[in-house]
Amino acid sequence: MEKQGGGVIVNTASAVANLGIKDRAAYAASKGAVAALTRAIAIDHVRAHIRVNAIAPGTIESPYFTKILSGPDGPS
């Protein structure tokens, strides 16, 4: 990207990066790491005109999410 004069990197984090969710510590930590990595890379490459952002989607209704909610480990 530096050779071509810049570019864009988009990482996928999660709203969980800024929240805590019961029994999902590893997931929350990994998404928090993606958010922190995104900020660090953005700072490192701003002068090379490389823009770095992360999207942080929230919960998306899906069969998997419905299964989590209906199981014994669902929200209390």
PDB file of N, CA and C in Angstrom:
ATOM      1  N   MET A   1       0.819  -1.198   0.000  1.00  0.00           N
ATOM      2  CA  MET A   1       0.000   0.000   0.000  1.00  0.00           C
ATOM      3  C   MET A   1       0.855   1.252   0.000  1.00  0.00           C
ATOM      4  N   GLU A   2       1.960   1.212   0.720  1.00  0.00           N
ATOM      5  CA  GLU A   2       2.836   2.384   0.728  1.00  0.00           C
ATOM      6  C   GLU A   2       3.360   2.661  -0.668  1.00  0.00           C
ATOM      7  N   LYS A   3       3.751   1.621  -1.414  1.00  0.00           N
ATOM      8  CA  LYS A   3       4.284   1.808  -2.768  1.00  0.00           C
ATOM      9  C   LYS A   3       3.259   2.422  -3.701  1.00  0.00           C
ATOM     10  N   GLN A   4       1.979   2.101  -3.502  1.00  0.00           N
ATOM     11  CA  GLN A   4       0.940   2.643  -4.383  1.00  0.00           C
ATOM     12  C   GLN A   4       0.400   3.988  -3.892  1.00  0.00           C
ATOM     13  N   GLY A   5       0.906   4.473  -2.770  1.00  0.00           N
ATOM     14  CA  GLY A   5       0.517   5.794  -2.294  1.00  0.00           C
ATOM     15  C   GLY A   5      -0.617   5.809  -1.288  1.00  0.00           C
ATOM     16  N   GLY A   6      -0.996   4.649  -0.778  1.00  0.00           N
ATOM     17  CA  GLY A   6      -2.029   4.610   0.251  1.00  0.00           C
ATOM     18  C   GLY A   6      -3.012   3.496   0.024  1.00  0.00           C
ATOM     19  N   GLY A   7      -4.008   3.474   0.873  1.00  0.00           N
ATOM     20  CA  GLY A   7      -5.031   2.448   0.774  1.00  0.00           C
ATOM     21  C   GLY A   7      -5.897   2.447   2.019  1.00  0.00           C
ATOM     22  N   VAL A   8      -6.740   1.437   2.088  1.00  0.00           N
ATOM     23  CA  VAL A   8      -7.689   1.330   3.194  1.00  0.00           C
ATOM     24  C   VAL A   8      -7.685  -0.098   3.724  1.00  0.00           C
ATOM     25  N   ILE A   9      -7.657  -0.218   5.039  1.00  0.00           N
ATOM     26  CA  ILE A   9      -7.788  -1.510   5.709  1.00  0.00           C
ATOM     27  C   ILE A   9      -9.030  -1.412   6.586  1.00  0.00           C
ATOM     28  N   VAL A  10      -9.906  -2.413   6.495  1.00  0.00           N
ATOM     29  CA  VAL A  10     -11.102  -2.453   7.335  1.00  0.00           C
ATOM     30  C   VAL A  10     -11.090  -3.771   8.110  1.00  0.00           C
ATOM     31  N   ASN A  11     -11.054  -3.666   9.433  1.00  0.00           N
ATOM     32  CA  ASN A  11     -11.087  -4.832  10.302  1.00  0.00           C
ATOM     33  C   ASN A  11     -12.500  -5.015  10.863  1.00  0.00           C
ATOM     34  N   THR A  12     -12.818  -6.231  11.255  1.00  0.00           N
ATOM     35  CA  THR A  12     -14.114  -6.511  11.862  1.00  0.00           C
ATOM     36  C   THR A  12     -13.928  -6.763  13.345  1.00  0.00           C
ATOM     37  N   ALA A  13     -14.421  -5.833  14.139  1.00  0.00           N
ATOM     38  CA  ALA A  13     -14.409  -5.980  15.594  1.00  0.00           C
ATOM     39  C   ALA A  13     -15.824  -6.380  16.006  1.00  0.00           C
ATOM     40  N   SER A  14     -16.326  -5.824  17.067  1.00  0.00           N
ATOM     41  CA  SER A  14     -17.678  -6.102  17.537  1.00  0.00           C
ATOM     42  C   SER A  14     -18.037  -5.048  18.569  1.00  0.00           C
ATOM     43  N   ALA A  15     -19.317  -4.825  18.733  1.00  0.00           N
ATOM     44  CA  ALA A  15     -19.762  -3.936  19.812  1.00  0.00           C
ATOM     45  C   ALA A  15     -19.290  -4.464  21.157  1.00  0.00           C
ATOM     46  N   VAL A  16     -19.056  -5.756  21.241  1.00  0.00           N
ATOM     47  CA  VAL A  16     -18.579  -6.394  22.468  1.00  0.00           C
ATOM     48  C   VAL A  16     -17.176  -5.900  22.849  1.00  0.00           C
ATOM     49  N   ALA A  17     -16.453  -5.304  21.916  1.00  0.00           N
ATOM     50  CA  ALA A  17     -15.126  -4.760  22.223  1.00  0.00           C
ATOM     51  C   ALA A  17     -15.207  -3.687  23.304  1.00  0.00           C
ATOM     52  N   ASN A  18     -16.349  -3.027  23.409  1.00  0.00           N
ATOM     53  CA  ASN A  18     -16.537  -1.956  24.395  1.00  0.00           C
ATOM     54  C   ASN A  18     -17.485  -2.335  25.527  1.00  0.00           C
ATOM     55  N   LEU A  19     -17.955  -3.557  25.512  1.00  0.00           N
ATOM     56  CA  LEU A  19     -18.904  -4.029  26.519  1.00  0.00           C
ATOM     57  C   LEU A  19     -18.371  -5.311  27.143  1.00  0.00           C
ATOM     58  N   GLY A  20     -19.032  -5.758  28.150  1.00  0.00           N
ATOM     59  CA  GLY A  20     -18.740  -7.078  28.690  1.00  0.00           C
ATOM     60  C   GLY A  20     -19.971  -7.950  28.532  1.00  0.00           C
ATOM     61  N   ILE A  21     -19.756  -9.212  28.237  1.00  0.00           N
ATOM     62  CA  ILE A  21     -20.870 -10.145  28.125  1.00  0.00           C
ATOM     63  C   ILE A  21     -20.549 -11.345  29.009  1.00  0.00           C
ATOM     64  N   LYS A  22     -21.496 -11.737  29.818  1.00  0.00           N
ATOM     65  CA  LYS A  22     -21.316 -12.862  30.732  1.00  0.00           C
ATOM     66  C   LYS A  22     -20.903 -14.123  29.966  1.00  0.00           C
ATOM     67  N   ASP A  23     -19.908 -14.798  30.481  1.00  0.00           N
ATOM     68  CA  ASP A  23     -19.416 -16.071  29.937  1.00  0.00           C
ATOM     69  C   ASP A  23     -18.848 -15.958  28.524  1.00  0.00           C
ATOM     70  N   ARG A  24     -18.449 -14.775  28.120  1.00  0.00           N
ATOM     71  CA  ARG A  24     -17.866 -14.593  26.783  1.00  0.00           C
ATOM     72  C   ARG A  24     -16.568 -13.793  26.868  1.00  0.00           C
ATOM     73  N   ALA A  25     -15.789 -14.040  27.914  1.00  0.00           N
ATOM     74  CA  ALA A  25     -14.567 -13.261  28.154  1.00  0.00           C
ATOM     75  C   ALA A  25     -13.577 -13.371  26.993  1.00  0.00           C
ATOM     76  N   ALA A  26     -13.357 -14.569  26.487  1.00  0.00           N
ATOM     77  CA  ALA A  26     -12.386 -14.741  25.399  1.00  0.00           C
ATOM     78  C   ALA A  26     -12.831 -13.990  24.143  1.00  0.00           C
ATOM     79  N   TYR A  27     -14.118 -14.064  23.832  1.00  0.00           N
ATOM     80  CA  TYR A  27     -14.640 -13.354  22.662  1.00  0.00           C
ATOM     81  C   TYR A  27     -14.490 -11.846  22.839  1.00  0.00           C
ATOM     82  N   ALA A  28     -14.876 -11.340  24.006  1.00  0.00           N
ATOM     83  CA  ALA A  28     -14.764  -9.906  24.266  1.00  0.00           C
ATOM     84  C   ALA A  28     -13.311  -9.448  24.192  1.00  0.00           C
ATOM     85  N   ALA A  29     -12.407 -10.253  24.754  1.00  0.00           N
ATOM     86  CA  ALA A  29     -10.987  -9.903  24.716  1.00  0.00           C
ATOM     87  C   ALA A  29     -10.455  -9.889  23.289  1.00  0.00           C
ATOM     88  N   SER A  30     -10.860 -10.861  22.479  1.00  0.00           N
ATOM     89  CA  SER A  30     -10.356 -10.908  21.098  1.00  0.00           C
ATOM     90  C   SER A  30     -10.861  -9.721  20.282  1.00  0.00           C
ATOM     91  N   LYS A  31     -12.103  -9.331  20.489  1.00  0.00           N
ATOM     92  CA  LYS A  31     -12.637  -8.191  19.746  1.00  0.00           C
ATOM     93  C   LYS A  31     -12.057  -6.877  20.260  1.00  0.00           C
ATOM     94  N   GLY A  32     -11.781  -6.806  21.557  1.00  0.00           N
ATOM     95  CA  GLY A  32     -11.090  -5.638  22.098  1.00  0.00           C
ATOM     96  C   GLY A  32      -9.691  -5.518  21.519  1.00  0.00           C
ATOM     97  N   ALA A  33      -9.041  -6.665  21.320  1.00  0.00           N
ATOM     98  CA  ALA A  33      -7.705  -6.673  20.717  1.00  0.00           C
ATOM     99  C   ALA A  33      -7.759  -6.189  19.271  1.00  0.00           C
ATOM    100  N   VAL A  34      -8.774  -6.581  18.538  1.00  0.00           N
ATOM    101  CA  VAL A  34      -8.923  -6.114  17.150  1.00  0.00           C
ATOM    102  C   VAL A  34      -9.082  -4.596  17.133  1.00  0.00           C
ATOM    103  N   ALA A  35      -9.873  -4.058  18.043  1.00  0.00           N
ATOM    104  CA  ALA A  35     -10.075  -2.604  18.108  1.00  0.00           C
ATOM    105  C   ALA A  35      -8.767  -1.886  18.436  1.00  0.00           C
ATOM    106  N   ALA A  36      -8.018  -2.413  19.404  1.00  0.00           N
ATOM    107  CA  ALA A  36      -6.745  -1.789  19.774  1.00  0.00           C
ATOM    108  C   ALA A  36      -5.726  -1.904  18.648  1.00  0.00           C
ATOM    109  N   LEU A  37      -5.666  -3.049  18.005  1.00  0.00           N
ATOM    110  CA  LEU A  37      -4.751  -3.240  16.878  1.00  0.00           C
ATOM    111  C   LEU A  37      -5.081  -2.269  15.747  1.00  0.00           C
ATOM    112  N   THR A  38      -6.357  -2.081  15.488  1.00  0.00           N
ATOM    113  CA  THR A  38      -6.784  -1.154  14.438  1.00  0.00           C
ATOM    114  C   THR A  38      -6.294   0.261  14.728  1.00  0.00           C
ATOM    115  N   ARG A  39      -6.454   0.717  15.976  1.00  0.00           N
ATOM    116  CA  ARG A  39      -5.995   2.063  16.332  1.00  0.00           C
ATOM    117  C   ARG A  39      -4.478   2.178  16.186  1.00  0.00           C
ATOM    118  N   ALA A  40      -3.762   1.158  16.619  1.00  0.00           N
ATOM    119  CA  ALA A  40      -2.294   1.202  16.550  1.00  0.00           C
ATOM    120  C   ALA A  40      -1.804   1.222  15.105  1.00  0.00           C
ATOM    121  N   ILE A  41      -2.392   0.392  14.268  1.00  0.00           N
ATOM    122  CA  ILE A  41      -1.987   0.361  12.856  1.00  0.00           C
ATOM    123  C   ILE A  41      -2.314   1.690  12.189  1.00  0.00           C
ATOM    124  N   ALA A  42      -3.468   2.271  12.522  1.00  0.00           N
ATOM    125  CA  ALA A  42      -3.853   3.564  11.947  1.00  0.00           C
ATOM    126  C   ALA A  42      -2.816   4.636  12.270  1.00  0.00           C
ATOM    127  N   ILE A  43      -2.370   4.657  13.526  1.00  0.00           N
ATOM    128  CA  ILE A  43      -1.359   5.641  13.939  1.00  0.00           C
ATOM    129  C   ILE A  43      -0.035   5.382  13.224  1.00  0.00           C
ATOM    130  N   ASP A  44       0.343   4.114  13.120  1.00  0.00           N
ATOM    131  CA  ASP A  44       1.619   3.758  12.485  1.00  0.00           C
ATOM    132  C   ASP A  44       1.687   4.146  11.011  1.00  0.00           C
ATOM    133  N   HIS A  45       0.557   4.146  10.324  1.00  0.00           N
ATOM    134  CA  HIS A  45       0.584   4.304   8.866  1.00  0.00           C
ATOM    135  C   HIS A  45      -0.135   5.542   8.343  1.00  0.00           C
ATOM    136  N   VAL A  46      -0.473   6.467   9.230  1.00  0.00           N
ATOM    137  CA  VAL A  46      -1.197   7.658   8.785  1.00  0.00           C
ATOM    138  C   VAL A  46      -0.383   8.476   7.777  1.00  0.00           C
ATOM    139  N   ARG A  47       0.910   8.576   7.976  1.00  0.00           N
ATOM    140  CA  ARG A  47       1.741   9.375   7.052  1.00  0.00           C
ATOM    141  C   ARG A  47       1.892   8.722   5.681  1.00  0.00           C
ATOM    142  N   ALA A  48       1.637   7.425   5.617  1.00  0.00           N
ATOM    143  CA  ALA A  48       1.705   6.715   4.330  1.00  0.00           C
ATOM    144  C   ALA A  48       0.354   6.726   3.621  1.00  0.00           C
ATOM    145  N   HIS A  49      -0.592   7.497   4.159  1.00  0.00           N
ATOM    146  CA  HIS A  49      -1.927   7.620   3.569  1.00  0.00           C
ATOM    147  C   HIS A  49      -2.671   6.286   3.543  1.00  0.00           C
ATOM    148  N   ILE A  50      -2.414   5.482   4.568  1.00  0.00           N
ATOM    149  CA  ILE A  50      -3.144   4.232   4.723  1.00  0.00           C
ATOM    150  C   ILE A  50      -4.140   4.439   5.858  1.00  0.00           C
ATOM    151  N   ARG A  51      -5.402   4.371   5.490  1.00  0.00           N
ATOM    152  CA  ARG A  51      -6.473   4.577   6.461  1.00  0.00           C
ATOM    153  C   ARG A  51      -6.882   3.217   7.016  1.00  0.00           C
ATOM    154  N   VAL A  52      -7.017   3.135   8.326  1.00  0.00           N
ATOM    155  CA  VAL A  52      -7.362   1.874   8.972  1.00  0.00           C
ATOM    156  C   VAL A  52      -8.559   2.110   9.888  1.00  0.00           C
ATOM    157  N   ASN A  53      -9.619   1.355   9.672  1.00  0.00           N
ATOM    158  CA  ASN A  53     -10.835   1.463  10.465  1.00  0.00           C
ATOM    159  C   ASN A  53     -11.324   0.077  10.843  1.00  0.00           C
ATOM    160  N   ALA A  54     -12.203   0.040  11.808  1.00  0.00           N
ATOM    161  CA  ALA A  54     -12.859  -1.208  12.182  1.00  0.00           C
ATOM    162  C   ALA A  54     -14.360  -0.978  12.212  1.00  0.00           C
ATOM    163  N   ILE A  55     -15.087  -1.959  11.733  1.00  0.00           N
ATOM    164  CA  ILE A  55     -16.530  -1.936  11.918  1.00  0.00           C
ATOM    165  C   ILE A  55     -16.815  -2.737  13.183  1.00  0.00           C
ATOM    166  N   ALA A  56     -17.866  -2.383  13.874  1.00  0.00           N
ATOM    167  CA  ALA A  56     -18.193  -3.052  15.130  1.00  0.00           C
ATOM    168  C   ALA A  56     -19.686  -3.363  15.161  1.00  0.00           C
ATOM    169  N   PRO A  57     -20.101  -4.389  14.414  1.00  0.00           N
ATOM    170  CA  PRO A  57     -21.529  -4.709  14.400  1.00  0.00           C
ATOM    171  C   PRO A  57     -22.008  -5.226  15.746  1.00  0.00           C
ATOM    172  N   GLY A  58     -23.267  -5.005  15.998  1.00  0.00           N
ATOM    173  CA  GLY A  58     -23.893  -5.535  17.208  1.00  0.00           C
ATOM    174  C   GLY A  58     -24.481  -6.906  16.911  1.00  0.00           C
ATOM    175  N   THR A  59     -25.420  -7.298  17.720  1.00  0.00           N
ATOM    176  CA  THR A  59     -26.048  -8.606  17.578  1.00  0.00           C
ATOM    177  C   THR A  59     -26.855  -8.671  16.292  1.00  0.00           C
ATOM    178  N   ILE A  60     -26.736  -9.791  15.615  1.00  0.00           N
ATOM    179  CA  ILE A  60     -27.484 -10.021  14.387  1.00  0.00           C
ATOM    180  C   ILE A  60     -28.356 -11.244  14.610  1.00  0.00           C
ATOM    181  N   GLU A  61     -29.632 -11.112  14.365  1.00  0.00           N
ATOM    182  CA  GLU A  61     -30.532 -12.239  14.550  1.00  0.00           C
ATOM    183  C   GLU A  61     -30.181 -13.336  13.550  1.00  0.00           C
ATOM    184  N   SER A  62     -29.947 -14.514  14.067  1.00  0.00           N
ATOM    185  CA  SER A  62     -29.582 -15.655  13.229  1.00  0.00           C
ATOM    186  C   SER A  62     -29.984 -16.931  13.974  1.00  0.00           C
ATOM    187  N   PRO A  63     -30.025 -18.059  13.280  1.00  0.00           N
ATOM    188  CA  PRO A  63     -30.325 -19.310  13.975  1.00  0.00           C
ATOM    189  C   PRO A  63     -29.340 -19.591  15.114  1.00  0.00           C
ATOM    190  N   TYR A  64     -28.073 -19.291  14.917  1.00  0.00           N
ATOM    191  CA  TYR A  64     -27.072 -19.514  15.957  1.00  0.00           C
ATOM    192  C   TYR A  64     -27.358 -18.658  17.189  1.00  0.00           C
ATOM    193  N   PHE A  65     -27.673 -17.395  16.982  1.00  0.00           N
ATOM    194  CA  PHE A  65     -27.956 -16.499  18.105  1.00  0.00           C
ATOM    195  C   PHE A  65     -29.228 -16.937  18.837  1.00  0.00           C
ATOM    196  N   THR A  66     -30.250 -17.355  18.094  1.00  0.00           N
ATOM    197  CA  THR A  66     -31.485 -17.845  18.703  1.00  0.00           C
ATOM    198  C   THR A  66     -31.196 -19.070  19.565  1.00  0.00           C
ATOM    199  N   LYS A  67     -30.326 -19.941  19.092  1.00  0.00           N
ATOM    200  CA  LYS A  67     -29.952 -21.134  19.859  1.00  0.00           C
ATOM    201  C   LYS A  67     -29.252 -20.736  21.162  1.00  0.00           C
ATOM    202  N   ILE A  68     -28.351 -19.752  21.092  1.00  0.00           N
ATOM    203  CA  ILE A  68     -27.653 -19.292  22.300  1.00  0.00           C
ATOM    204  C   ILE A  68     -28.659 -18.745  23.317  1.00  0.00           C
ATOM    205  N   LEU A  69     -29.610 -17.945  22.844  1.00  0.00           N
ATOM    206  CA  LEU A  69     -30.579 -17.334  23.756  1.00  0.00           C
ATOM    207  C   LEU A  69     -31.516 -18.351  24.388  1.00  0.00           C
ATOM    208  N   SER A  70     -31.823 -19.411  23.666  1.00  0.00           N
ATOM    209  CA  SER A  70     -32.773 -20.388  24.180  1.00  0.00           C
ATOM    210  C   SER A  70     -32.111 -21.477  25.026  1.00  0.00           C
ATOM    211  N   GLY A  71     -30.784 -21.531  25.027  1.00  0.00           N
ATOM    212  CA  GLY A  71     -30.089 -22.570  25.779  1.00  0.00           C
ATOM    213  C   GLY A  71     -29.944 -22.231  27.251  1.00  0.00           C
ATOM    214  N   PRO A  72     -29.391 -23.161  28.012  1.00  0.00           N
ATOM    215  CA  PRO A  72     -29.241 -22.950  29.454  1.00  0.00           C
ATOM    216  C   PRO A  72     -28.289 -21.820  29.810  1.00  0.00           C
ATOM    217  N   ASP A  73     -27.426 -21.430  28.888  1.00  0.00           N
ATOM    218  CA  ASP A  73     -26.466 -20.351  29.157  1.00  0.00           C
ATOM    219  C   ASP A  73     -26.935 -19.022  28.616  1.00  0.00           C
ATOM    220  N   GLY A  74     -28.209 -18.932  28.241  1.00  0.00           N
ATOM    221  CA  GLY A  74     -28.752 -17.687  27.700  1.00  0.00           C
ATOM    222  C   GLY A  74     -28.726 -16.576  28.750  1.00  0.00           C
ATOM    223  N   PRO A  75     -29.144 -15.374  28.359  1.00  0.00           N
ATOM    224  CA  PRO A  75     -29.084 -14.237  29.287  1.00  0.00           C
ATOM    225  C   PRO A  75     -29.947 -14.470  30.522  1.00  0.00           C
ATOM    226  N   SER A  76     -29.506 -13.940  31.641  1.00  0.00           N
ATOM    227  CA  SER A  76     -30.286 -14.104  32.861  1.00  0.00           C
ATOM    228  C   SER A  76     -31.021 -12.837  33.208  1.00  0.00           C
TER     229      SER A  76
END
